[in-house]
PDB file of N, CA and C in Angstrom:
ATOM      1  N   MET A   1      11.345 122.454  94.312  1.00  0.00           N
ATOM      2  CA  MET A   1      12.081 121.257  93.996  1.00  0.00           C
ATOM      3  C   MET A   1      12.495 121.289  92.522  1.00  0.00           C
ATOM      4  N   LYS A   2      13.766 121.025  92.239  1.00  0.00           N
ATOM      5  CA  LYS A   2      14.300 121.071  90.887  1.00  0.00           C
ATOM      6  C   LYS A   2      13.778 119.905  90.061  1.00  0.00           C
ATOM      7  N   GLN A   3      13.359 120.206  88.844  1.00  0.00           N
ATOM      8  CA  GLN A   3      12.952 119.159  87.914  1.00  0.00           C
ATOM      9  C   GLN A   3      14.186 118.765  87.111  1.00  0.00           C
ATOM     10  N   PHE A   4      14.531 117.499  87.123  1.00  0.00           N
ATOM     11  CA  PHE A   4      15.700 117.026  86.406  1.00  0.00           C
ATOM     12  C   PHE A   4      15.413 116.960  84.913  1.00  0.00           C
ATOM     13  N   THR A   5      16.432 117.296  84.124  1.00  0.00           N
ATOM     14  CA  THR A   5      16.307 117.336  82.678  1.00  0.00           C
ATOM     15  C   THR A   5      17.134 116.222  82.051  1.00  0.00           C
ATOM     16  N   VAL A   6      16.503 115.469  81.151  1.00  0.00           N
ATOM     17  CA  VAL A   6      17.161 114.376  80.438  1.00  0.00           C
ATOM     18  C   VAL A   6      17.189 114.736  78.954  1.00  0.00           C
ATOM     19  N   LEU A   7      18.362 114.600  78.343  1.00  0.00           N
ATOM     20  CA  LEU A   7      18.510 114.794  76.905  1.00  0.00           C
ATOM     21  C   LEU A   7      18.561 113.425  76.239  1.00  0.00           C
ATOM     22  N   LEU A   8      17.583 113.152  75.378  1.00  0.00           N
ATOM     23  CA  LEU A   8      17.524 111.901  74.624  1.00  0.00           C
ATOM     24  C   LEU A   8      18.107 112.151  73.243  1.00  0.00           C
ATOM     25  N   VAL A   9      19.053 111.306  72.826  1.00  0.00           N
ATOM     26  CA  VAL A   9      19.699 111.481  71.526  1.00  0.00           C
ATOM     27  C   VAL A   9      19.569 110.184  70.737  1.00  0.00           C
ATOM     28  N   ASP A  10      18.753 110.218  69.692  1.00  0.00           N
ATOM     29  CA  ASP A  10      18.517 109.034  68.864  1.00  0.00           C
ATOM     30  C   ASP A  10      17.944 109.500  67.541  1.00  0.00           C
ATOM     31  N   ASP A  11      18.314 108.840  66.448  1.00  0.00           N
ATOM     32  CA  ASP A  11      17.768 109.214  65.150  1.00  0.00           C
ATOM     33  C   ASP A  11      16.445 108.510  64.858  1.00  0.00           C
ATOM     34  N   GLU A  12      16.038 107.587  65.711  1.00  0.00           N
ATOM     35  CA  GLU A  12      14.757 106.893  65.537  1.00  0.00           C
ATOM     36  C   GLU A  12      13.668 107.619  66.319  1.00  0.00           C
ATOM     37  N   GLU A  13      12.756 108.229  65.588  1.00  0.00           N
ATOM     38  CA  GLU A  13      11.680 109.008  66.202  1.00  0.00           C
ATOM     39  C   GLU A  13      10.832 108.157  67.149  1.00  0.00           C
ATOM     40  N   ARG A  14      10.598 106.889  66.789  1.00  0.00           N
ATOM     41  CA  ARG A  14       9.786 105.991  67.623  1.00  0.00           C
ATOM     42  C   ARG A  14      10.408 105.810  69.012  1.00  0.00           C
ATOM     43  N   ILE A  15      11.706 105.615  69.049  1.00  0.00           N
ATOM     44  CA  ILE A  15      12.406 105.451  70.335  1.00  0.00           C
ATOM     45  C   ILE A  15      12.346 106.749  71.136  1.00  0.00           C
ATOM     46  N   LEU A  16      12.611 107.885  70.468  1.00  0.00           N
ATOM     47  CA  LEU A  16      12.554 109.175  71.159  1.00  0.00           C
ATOM     48  C   LEU A  16      11.185 109.406  71.782  1.00  0.00           C
ATOM     49  N   ASN A  17      10.136 109.165  71.005  1.00  0.00           N
ATOM     50  CA  ASN A  17       8.780 109.403  71.509  1.00  0.00           C
ATOM     51  C   ASN A  17       8.438 108.482  72.679  1.00  0.00           C
ATOM     52  N   PHE A  18       8.800 107.209  72.569  1.00  0.00           N
ATOM     53  CA  PHE A  18       8.527 106.258  73.646  1.00  0.00           C
ATOM     54  C   PHE A  18       9.214 106.689  74.942  1.00  0.00           C
ATOM     55  N   LEU A  19      10.514 106.970  74.847  1.00  0.00           N
ATOM     56  CA  LEU A  19      11.259 107.364  76.045  1.00  0.00           C
ATOM     57  C   LEU A  19      10.785 108.710  76.596  1.00  0.00           C
ATOM     58  N   LYS A  20      10.470 109.628  75.707  1.00  0.00           N
ATOM     59  CA  LYS A  20      10.006 110.949  76.133  1.00  0.00           C
ATOM     60  C   LYS A  20       8.725 110.839  76.957  1.00  0.00           C
ATOM     61  N   VAL A  21       7.767 110.053  76.464  1.00  0.00           N
ATOM     62  CA  VAL A  21       6.500 109.867  77.185  1.00  0.00           C
ATOM     63  C   VAL A  21       6.750 109.235  78.554  1.00  0.00           C
ATOM     64  N   LYS A  22       7.558 108.187  78.582  1.00  0.00           N
ATOM     65  CA  LYS A  22       7.841 107.494  79.851  1.00  0.00           C
ATOM     66  C   LYS A  22       8.519 108.422  80.855  1.00  0.00           C
ATOM     67  N   LEU A  23       9.521 109.168  80.396  1.00  0.00           N
ATOM     68  CA  LEU A  23      10.252 110.053  81.308  1.00  0.00           C
ATOM     69  C   LEU A  23       9.396 111.222  81.786  1.00  0.00           C
ATOM     70  N   LYS A  24       8.600 111.792  80.890  1.00  0.00           N
ATOM     71  CA  LYS A  24       7.714 112.893  81.299  1.00  0.00           C
ATOM     72  C   LYS A  24       6.692 112.409  82.318  1.00  0.00           C
ATOM     73  N   THR A  25       6.185 111.196  82.136  1.00  0.00           N
ATOM     74  CA  THR A  25       5.241 110.615  83.085  1.00  0.00           C
ATOM     75  C   THR A  25       5.864 110.488  84.472  1.00  0.00           C
ATOM     76  N   CYS A  26       7.165 110.262  84.495  1.00  0.00           N
ATOM     77  CA  CYS A  26       7.884 110.135  85.772  1.00  0.00           C
ATOM     78  C   CYS A  26       8.329 111.487  86.335  1.00  0.00           C
ATOM     79  N   GLY A  27       8.001 112.575  85.646  1.00  0.00           N
ATOM     80  CA  GLY A  27       8.275 113.906  86.174  1.00  0.00           C
ATOM     81  C   GLY A  27       9.547 114.573  85.676  1.00  0.00           C
ATOM     82  N   TYR A  28      10.195 114.005  84.664  1.00  0.00           N
ATOM     83  CA  TYR A  28      11.409 114.606  84.128  1.00  0.00           C
ATOM     84  C   TYR A  28      11.078 115.597  83.018  1.00  0.00           C
ATOM     85  N   GLU A  29      11.896 116.626  82.899  1.00  0.00           N
ATOM     86  CA  GLU A  29      11.849 117.482  81.722  1.00  0.00           C
ATOM     87  C   GLU A  29      12.683 116.770  80.662  1.00  0.00           C
ATOM     88  N   VAL A  30      12.216 116.750  79.428  1.00  0.00           N
ATOM     89  CA  VAL A  30      12.891 115.983  78.387  1.00  0.00           C
ATOM     90  C   VAL A  30      13.236 116.870  77.193  1.00  0.00           C
ATOM     91  N   LEU A  31      14.497 116.803  76.793  1.00  0.00           N
ATOM     92  CA  LEU A  31      14.981 117.439  75.573  1.00  0.00           C
ATOM     93  C   LEU A  31      15.326 116.329  74.590  1.00  0.00           C
ATOM     94  N   THR A  32      15.309 116.627  73.291  1.00  0.00           N
ATOM     95  CA  THR A  32      15.676 115.616  72.312  1.00  0.00           C
ATOM     96  C   THR A  32      16.643 116.184  71.286  1.00  0.00           C
ATOM     97  N   ALA A  33      17.433 115.281  70.726  1.00  0.00           N
ATOM     98  CA  ALA A  33      18.302 115.595  69.593  1.00  0.00           C
ATOM     99  C   ALA A  33      18.325 114.363  68.704  1.00  0.00           C
ATOM    100  N   HIS A  34      18.491 114.583  67.407  1.00  0.00           N
ATOM    101  CA  HIS A  34      18.443 113.482  66.445  1.00  0.00           C
ATOM    102  C   HIS A  34      19.816 113.040  65.958  1.00  0.00           C
ATOM    103  N   ASN A  35      20.863 113.718  66.425  1.00  0.00           N
ATOM    104  CA  ASN A  35      22.218 113.371  65.985  1.00  0.00           C
ATOM    105  C   ASN A  35      23.250 113.912  66.974  1.00  0.00           C
ATOM    106  N   GLY A  36      24.494 113.572  66.716  1.00  0.00           N
ATOM    107  CA  GLY A  36      25.576 113.965  67.619  1.00  0.00           C
ATOM    108  C   GLY A  36      25.764 115.465  67.728  1.00  0.00           C
ATOM    109  N   ARG A  37      25.707 116.165  66.604  1.00  0.00           N
ATOM    110  CA  ARG A  37      25.864 117.631  66.636  1.00  0.00           C
ATOM    111  C   ARG A  37      24.768 118.267  67.488  1.00  0.00           C
ATOM    112  N   GLY A  38      23.538 117.793  67.284  1.00  0.00           N
ATOM    113  CA  GLY A  38      22.428 118.314  68.078  1.00  0.00           C
ATOM    114  C   GLY A  38      22.626 118.058  69.563  1.00  0.00           C
ATOM    115  N   CYS A  39      23.183 116.903  69.892  1.00  0.00           N
ATOM    116  CA  CYS A  39      23.471 116.573  71.282  1.00  0.00           C
ATOM    117  C   CYS A  39      24.438 117.578  71.891  1.00  0.00           C
ATOM    118  N   LEU A  40      25.543 117.806  71.200  1.00  0.00           N
ATOM    119  CA  LEU A  40      26.561 118.730  71.717  1.00  0.00           C
ATOM    120  C   LEU A  40      26.003 120.142  71.865  1.00  0.00           C
ATOM    121  N   GLU A  41      25.192 120.568  70.905  1.00  0.00           N
ATOM    122  CA  GLU A  41      24.574 121.899  70.986  1.00  0.00           C
ATOM    123  C   GLU A  41      23.625 121.991  72.172  1.00  0.00           C
ATOM    124  N   GLN A  42      22.800 120.961  72.375  1.00  0.00           N
ATOM    125  CA  GLN A  42      21.842 120.961  73.486  1.00  0.00           C
ATOM    126  C   GLN A  42      22.560 120.965  74.837  1.00  0.00           C
ATOM    127  N   VAL A  43      23.619 120.189  74.944  1.00  0.00           N
ATOM    128  CA  VAL A  43      24.363 120.150  76.209  1.00  0.00           C
ATOM    129  C   VAL A  43      24.925 121.529  76.534  1.00  0.00           C
ATOM    130  N   GLN A  44      25.484 122.203  75.536  1.00  0.00           N
ATOM    131  CA  GLN A  44      26.052 123.528  75.779  1.00  0.00           C
ATOM    132  C   GLN A  44      24.970 124.571  76.077  1.00  0.00           C
ATOM    133  N   ALA A  45      23.829 124.477  75.407  1.00  0.00           N
ATOM    134  CA  ALA A  45      22.778 125.481  75.569  1.00  0.00           C
ATOM    135  C   ALA A  45      21.880 125.226  76.770  1.00  0.00           C
ATOM    136  N   GLN A  46      21.586 123.966  77.069  1.00  0.00           N
ATOM    137  CA  GLN A  46      20.570 123.635  78.064  1.00  0.00           C
ATOM    138  C   GLN A  46      21.111 123.050  79.363  1.00  0.00           C
ATOM    139  N   ASP A  47      22.328 122.528  79.356  1.00  0.00           N
ATOM    140  CA  ASP A  47      22.947 121.928  80.544  1.00  0.00           C
ATOM    141  C   ASP A  47      22.041 120.891  81.225  1.00  0.00           C
ATOM    142  N   PRO A  48      21.666 119.818  80.492  1.00  0.00           N
ATOM    143  CA  PRO A  48      20.803 118.795  81.098  1.00  0.00           C
ATOM    144  C   PRO A  48      21.516 118.039  82.212  1.00  0.00           C
ATOM    145  N   ASP A  49      20.752 117.299  82.983  1.00  0.00           N
ATOM    146  CA  ASP A  49      21.302 116.525  84.099  1.00  0.00           C
ATOM    147  C   ASP A  49      21.788 115.144  83.670  1.00  0.00           C
ATOM    148  N   LEU A  50      21.299 114.647  82.536  1.00  0.00           N
ATOM    149  CA  LEU A  50      21.631 113.311  82.048  1.00  0.00           C
ATOM    150  C   LEU A  50      21.457 113.277  80.539  1.00  0.00           C
ATOM    151  N   VAL A  51      22.335 112.515  79.857  1.00  0.00           N
ATOM    152  CA  VAL A  51      22.191 112.266  78.419  1.00  0.00           C
ATOM    153  C   VAL A  51      21.987 110.768  78.218  1.00  0.00           C
ATOM    154  N   VAL A  52      20.972 110.413  77.432  1.00  0.00           N
ATOM    155  CA  VAL A  52      20.759 109.035  76.990  1.00  0.00           C
ATOM    156  C   VAL A  52      21.096 109.039  75.501  1.00  0.00           C
ATOM    157  N   LEU A  53      22.159 108.315  75.137  1.00  0.00           N
ATOM    158  CA  LEU A  53      22.784 108.463  73.825  1.00  0.00           C
ATOM    159  C   LEU A  53      22.789 107.166  73.032  1.00  0.00           C
ATOM    160  N   ASP A  54      22.270 107.237  71.795  1.00  0.00           N
ATOM    161  CA  ASP A  54      22.348 106.116  70.862  1.00  0.00           C
ATOM    162  C   ASP A  54      23.732 106.118  70.218  1.00  0.00           C
ATOM    163  N   VAL A  55      24.161 104.966  69.713  1.00  0.00           N
ATOM    164  CA  VAL A  55      25.446 104.886  69.015  1.00  0.00           C
ATOM    165  C   VAL A  55      25.256 104.990  67.506  1.00  0.00           C
ATOM    166  N   LEU A  56      24.312 104.236  66.965  1.00  0.00           N
ATOM    167  CA  LEU A  56      24.135 104.173  65.514  1.00  0.00           C
ATOM    168  C   LEU A  56      23.288 105.340  65.015  1.00  0.00           C
ATOM    169  N   MET A  57      23.976 106.422  64.633  1.00  0.00           N
ATOM    170  CA  MET A  57      23.312 107.603  64.108  1.00  0.00           C
ATOM    171  C   MET A  57      24.067 108.069  62.877  1.00  0.00           C
ATOM    172  N   PRO A  58      23.367 108.710  61.933  1.00  0.00           N
ATOM    173  CA  PRO A  58      24.061 109.232  60.752  1.00  0.00           C
ATOM    174  C   PRO A  58      24.978 110.395  61.121  1.00  0.00           C
ATOM    175  N   GLY A  59      25.995 110.598  60.294  1.00  0.00           N
ATOM    176  CA  GLY A  59      26.938 111.680  60.581  1.00  0.00           C
ATOM    177  C   GLY A  59      27.868 111.257  61.704  1.00  0.00           C
ATOM    178  N   MET A  60      27.817 111.978  62.786  1.00  0.00           N
ATOM    179  CA  MET A  60      28.649 111.665  63.951  1.00  0.00           C
ATOM    180  C   MET A  60      27.973 110.588  64.783  1.00  0.00           C
ATOM    181  N   ASP A  61      28.610 109.421  64.917  1.00  0.00           N
ATOM    182  CA  ASP A  61      27.995 108.355  65.712  1.00  0.00           C
ATOM    183  C   ASP A  61      28.096 108.659  67.207  1.00  0.00           C
ATOM    184  N   GLY A  62      27.453 107.839  67.998  1.00  0.00           N
ATOM    185  CA  GLY A  62      27.413 108.067  69.442  1.00  0.00           C
ATOM    186  C   GLY A  62      28.763 107.973  70.120  1.00  0.00           C
ATOM    187  N   PHE A  63      29.651 107.110  69.627  1.00  0.00           N
ATOM    188  CA  PHE A  63      30.977 107.014  70.236  1.00  0.00           C
ATOM    189  C   PHE A  63      31.765 108.310  70.038  1.00  0.00           C
ATOM    190  N   GLU A  64      31.724 108.845  68.821  1.00  0.00           N
ATOM    191  CA  GLU A  64      32.418 110.119  68.557  1.00  0.00           C
ATOM    192  C   GLU A  64      31.755 111.253  69.342  1.00  0.00           C
ATOM    193  N   THR A  65      30.433 111.232  69.402  1.00  0.00           N
ATOM    194  CA  THR A  65      29.706 112.241  70.182  1.00  0.00           C
ATOM    195  C   THR A  65      30.131 112.187  71.639  1.00  0.00           C
ATOM    196  N   LEU A  66      30.215 110.982  72.191  1.00  0.00           N
ATOM    197  CA  LEU A  66      30.624 110.818  73.580  1.00  0.00           C
ATOM    198  C   LEU A  66      32.045 111.325  73.798  1.00  0.00           C
ATOM    199  N   LYS A  67      32.928 111.012  72.875  1.00  0.00           N
ATOM    200  CA  LYS A  67      34.320 111.465  72.983  1.00  0.00           C
ATOM    201  C   LYS A  67      34.375 112.996  73.023  1.00  0.00           C
ATOM    202  N   GLN A  68      33.637 113.653  72.131  1.00  0.00           N
ATOM    203  CA  GLN A  68      33.624 115.115  72.108  1.00  0.00           C
ATOM    204  C   GLN A  68      32.906 115.689  73.317  1.00  0.00           C
ATOM    205  N   LEU A  69      31.848 115.030  73.739  1.00  0.00           N
ATOM    206  CA  LEU A  69      31.106 115.486  74.908  1.00  0.00           C
ATOM    207  C   LEU A  69      31.999 115.507  76.151  1.00  0.00           C
ATOM    208  N   ARG A  70      32.834 114.505  76.291  1.00  0.00           N
ATOM    209  CA  ARG A  70      33.715 114.421  77.457  1.00  0.00           C
ATOM    210  C   ARG A  70      34.760 115.535  77.488  1.00  0.00           C
ATOM    211  N   THR A  71      35.025 116.179  76.359  1.00  0.00           N
ATOM    212  CA  THR A  71      35.932 117.330  76.377  1.00  0.00           C
ATOM    213  C   THR A  71      35.219 118.582  76.875  1.00  0.00           C
ATOM    214  N   LEU A  72      33.884 118.547  76.869  1.00  0.00           N
ATOM    215  CA  LEU A  72      33.077 119.692  77.281  1.00  0.00           C
ATOM    216  C   LEU A  72      32.491 119.565  78.678  1.00  0.00           C
ATOM    217  N   SER A  73      32.183 118.335  79.075  1.00  0.00           N
ATOM    218  CA  SER A  73      31.352 118.158  80.265  1.00  0.00           C
ATOM    219  C   SER A  73      31.563 116.785  80.902  1.00  0.00           C
ATOM    220  N   SER A  74      31.268 116.716  82.177  1.00  0.00           N
ATOM    221  CA  SER A  74      31.295 115.424  82.883  1.00  0.00           C
ATOM    222  C   SER A  74      29.867 114.942  83.178  1.00  0.00           C
ATOM    223  N   ILE A  75      28.902 115.476  82.441  1.00  0.00           N
ATOM    224  CA  ILE A  75      27.501 115.089  82.594  1.00  0.00           C
ATOM    225  C   ILE A  75      27.358 113.567  82.499  1.00  0.00           C
ATOM    226  N   PRO A  76      26.526 112.952  83.328  1.00  0.00           N
ATOM    227  CA  PRO A  76      26.309 111.508  83.215  1.00  0.00           C
ATOM    228  C   PRO A  76      25.710 111.139  81.856  1.00  0.00           C
ATOM    229  N   VAL A  77      26.224 110.042  81.275  1.00  0.00           N
ATOM    230  CA  VAL A  77      25.761 109.566  79.975  1.00  0.00           C
ATOM    231  C   VAL A  77      25.447 108.078  80.068  1.00  0.00           C
ATOM    232  N   ILE A  78      24.240 107.725  79.622  1.00  0.00           N
ATOM    233  CA  ILE A  78      23.863 106.326  79.475  1.00  0.00           C
ATOM    234  C   ILE A  78      23.761 106.055  77.978  1.00  0.00           C
ATOM    235  N   VAL A  79      24.544 105.102  77.499  1.00  0.00           N
ATOM    236  CA  VAL A  79      24.462 104.705  76.102  1.00  0.00           C
ATOM    237  C   VAL A  79      23.356 103.662  75.982  1.00  0.00           C
ATOM    238  N   LEU A  80      22.467 103.875  75.022  1.00  0.00           N
ATOM    239  CA  LEU A  80      21.362 102.959  74.752  1.00  0.00           C
ATOM    240  C   LEU A  80      21.458 102.615  73.275  1.00  0.00           C
ATOM    241  N   SER A  81      21.938 101.409  72.951  1.00  0.00           N
ATOM    242  CA  SER A  81      22.281 101.123  71.568  1.00  0.00           C
ATOM    243  C   SER A  81      21.983  99.691  71.148  1.00  0.00           C
ATOM    244  N   ALA A  82      21.727  99.523  69.842  1.00  0.00           N
ATOM    245  CA  ALA A  82      21.584  98.188  69.268  1.00  0.00           C
ATOM    246  C   ALA A  82      22.938  97.495  69.166  1.00  0.00           C
ATOM    247  N   LYS A  83      24.014  98.253  69.264  1.00  0.00           N
ATOM    248  CA  LYS A  83      25.358  97.670  69.283  1.00  0.00           C
ATOM    249  C   LYS A  83      25.613  97.194  70.715  1.00  0.00           C
ATOM    250  N   GLY A  84      25.289  95.936  70.957  1.00  0.00           N
ATOM    251  CA  GLY A  84      25.311  95.443  72.326  1.00  0.00           C
ATOM    252  C   GLY A  84      26.372  94.410  72.623  1.00  0.00           C
ATOM    253  N   SER A  85      27.386  94.284  71.760  1.00  0.00           N
ATOM    254  CA  SER A  85      28.426  93.292  72.030  1.00  0.00           C
ATOM    255  C   SER A  85      29.267  93.718  73.223  1.00  0.00           C
ATOM    256  N   TYR A  86      29.942  92.769  73.791  1.00  0.00           N
ATOM    257  CA  TYR A  86      30.821  93.046  74.930  1.00  0.00           C
ATOM    258  C   TYR A  86      31.867  94.093  74.545  1.00  0.00           C
ATOM    259  N   ALA A  87      32.440  93.965  73.353  1.00  0.00           N
ATOM    260  CA  ALA A  87      33.460  94.914  72.893  1.00  0.00           C
ATOM    261  C   ALA A  87      32.879  96.325  72.771  1.00  0.00           C
ATOM    262  N   ASP A  88      31.641  96.447  72.273  1.00  0.00           N
ATOM    263  CA  ASP A  88      31.000  97.760  72.170  1.00  0.00           C
ATOM    264  C   ASP A  88      30.778  98.375  73.546  1.00  0.00           C
ATOM    265  N   LYS A  89      30.338  97.557  74.487  1.00  0.00           N
ATOM    266  CA  LYS A  89      30.116  98.057  75.848  1.00  0.00           C
ATOM    267  C   LYS A  89      31.431  98.556  76.466  1.00  0.00           C
ATOM    268  N   ILE A  90      32.485  97.763  76.313  1.00  0.00           N
ATOM    269  CA  ILE A  90      33.792  98.159  76.853  1.00  0.00           C
ATOM    270  C   ILE A  90      34.265  99.451  76.195  1.00  0.00           C
ATOM    271  N   HIS A  91      34.064  99.556  74.881  1.00  0.00           N
ATOM    272  CA  HIS A  91      34.471 100.762  74.161  1.00  0.00           C
ATOM    273  C   HIS A  91      33.707 101.986  74.683  1.00  0.00           C
ATOM    274  N   GLY A  92      32.390 101.866  74.797  1.00  0.00           N
ATOM    275  CA  GLY A  92      31.578 102.980  75.282  1.00  0.00           C
ATOM    276  C   GLY A  92      31.932 103.393  76.698  1.00  0.00           C
ATOM    277  N   LEU A  93      32.100 102.421  77.558  1.00  0.00           N
ATOM    278  CA  LEU A  93      32.476 102.732  78.945  1.00  0.00           C
ATOM    279  C   LEU A  93      33.871 103.338  78.995  1.00  0.00           C
ATOM    280  N   GLY A  94      34.761 102.849  78.128  1.00  0.00           N
ATOM    281  CA  GLY A  94      36.114 103.396  78.071  1.00  0.00           C
ATOM    282  C   GLY A  94      36.148 104.840  77.601  1.00  0.00           C
ATOM    283  N   LEU A  95      35.176 105.235  76.792  1.00  0.00           N
ATOM    284  CA  LEU A  95      35.094 106.617  76.322  1.00  0.00           C
ATOM    285  C   LEU A  95      34.464 107.545  77.361  1.00  0.00           C
ATOM    286  N   GLY A  96      33.914 106.964  78.435  1.00  0.00           N
ATOM    287  CA  GLY A  96      33.375 107.802  79.494  1.00  0.00           C
ATOM    288  C   GLY A  96      31.897 107.652  79.772  1.00  0.00           C
ATOM    289  N   ALA A  97      31.236 106.683  79.130  1.00  0.00           N
ATOM    290  CA  ALA A  97      29.824 106.447  79.454  1.00  0.00           C
ATOM    291  C   ALA A  97      29.710 105.952  80.890  1.00  0.00           C
ATOM    292  N   ASP A  98      28.634 106.308  81.552  1.00  0.00           N
ATOM    293  CA  ASP A  98      28.402 105.859  82.921  1.00  0.00           C
ATOM    294  C   ASP A  98      27.705 104.509  82.969  1.00  0.00           C
ATOM    295  N   ASP A  99      26.983 104.177  81.893  1.00  0.00           N
ATOM    296  CA  ASP A  99      26.360 102.862  81.770  1.00  0.00           C
ATOM    297  C   ASP A  99      26.104 102.616  80.293  1.00  0.00           C
ATOM    298  N   TYR A 100      25.895 101.354  79.948  1.00  0.00           N
ATOM    299  CA  TYR A 100      25.700 100.970  78.543  1.00  0.00           C
ATOM    300  C   TYR A 100      24.606  99.914  78.512  1.00  0.00           C
ATOM    301  N   LEU A 101      23.467 100.258  77.927  1.00  0.00           N
ATOM    302  CA  LEU A 101      22.326  99.358  77.866  1.00  0.00           C
ATOM    303  C   LEU A 101      22.024  98.984  76.426  1.00  0.00           C
ATOM    304  N   PRO A 102      21.895  97.698  76.131  1.00  0.00           N
ATOM    305  CA  PRO A 102      21.594  97.297  74.757  1.00  0.00           C
ATOM    306  C   PRO A 102      20.106  97.414  74.437  1.00  0.00           C
ATOM    307  N   LYS A 103      19.806  97.718  73.155  1.00  0.00           N
ATOM    308  CA  LYS A 103      18.441  97.650  72.641  1.00  0.00           C
ATOM    309  C   LYS A 103      18.279  96.257  72.042  1.00  0.00           C
ATOM    310  N   PRO A 104      17.121  95.690  72.002  1.00  0.00           N
ATOM    311  CA  PRO A 104      15.899  96.215  72.615  1.00  0.00           C
ATOM    312  C   PRO A 104      15.963  96.073  74.133  1.00  0.00           C
ATOM    313  N   PHE A 105      15.184  96.865  74.793  1.00  0.00           N
ATOM    314  CA  PHE A 105      15.141  96.850  76.245  1.00  0.00           C
ATOM    315  C   PHE A 105      13.714  96.612  76.694  1.00  0.00           C
ATOM    316  N   ASN A 106      13.568  96.168  77.934  1.00  0.00           N
ATOM    317  CA  ASN A 106      12.239  95.964  78.511  1.00  0.00           C
ATOM    318  C   ASN A 106      11.787  97.245  79.177  1.00  0.00           C
ATOM    319  N   ARG A 107      10.503  97.431  79.218  1.00  0.00           N
ATOM    320  CA  ARG A 107       9.951  98.634  79.859  1.00  0.00           C
ATOM    321  C   ARG A 107      10.202  98.642  81.318  1.00  0.00           C
TER     322      ARG A 107
END
């Protein structure tokens, strides 16, 4: 049986660690990246099954990362961000996100 791989992309180590533990407990293989460039590199090298992407990151933000990612892959992307306004959600979904969840979130 194939183990699904999730790539978590966030510059906050606390969020990465929390999500990593939860996903591993549920049986997923978990990769991490701390910025947009790392995300794009991981997608090309590892071909994960899902990307969970933050928006507010230094350097390349999540929206730009998503835009570039969509030129490379149709991998499912869930945006998980503190930018939770209606306009931000519409923007993220318009760029190709499959879902958009605001932080903070419930377990």
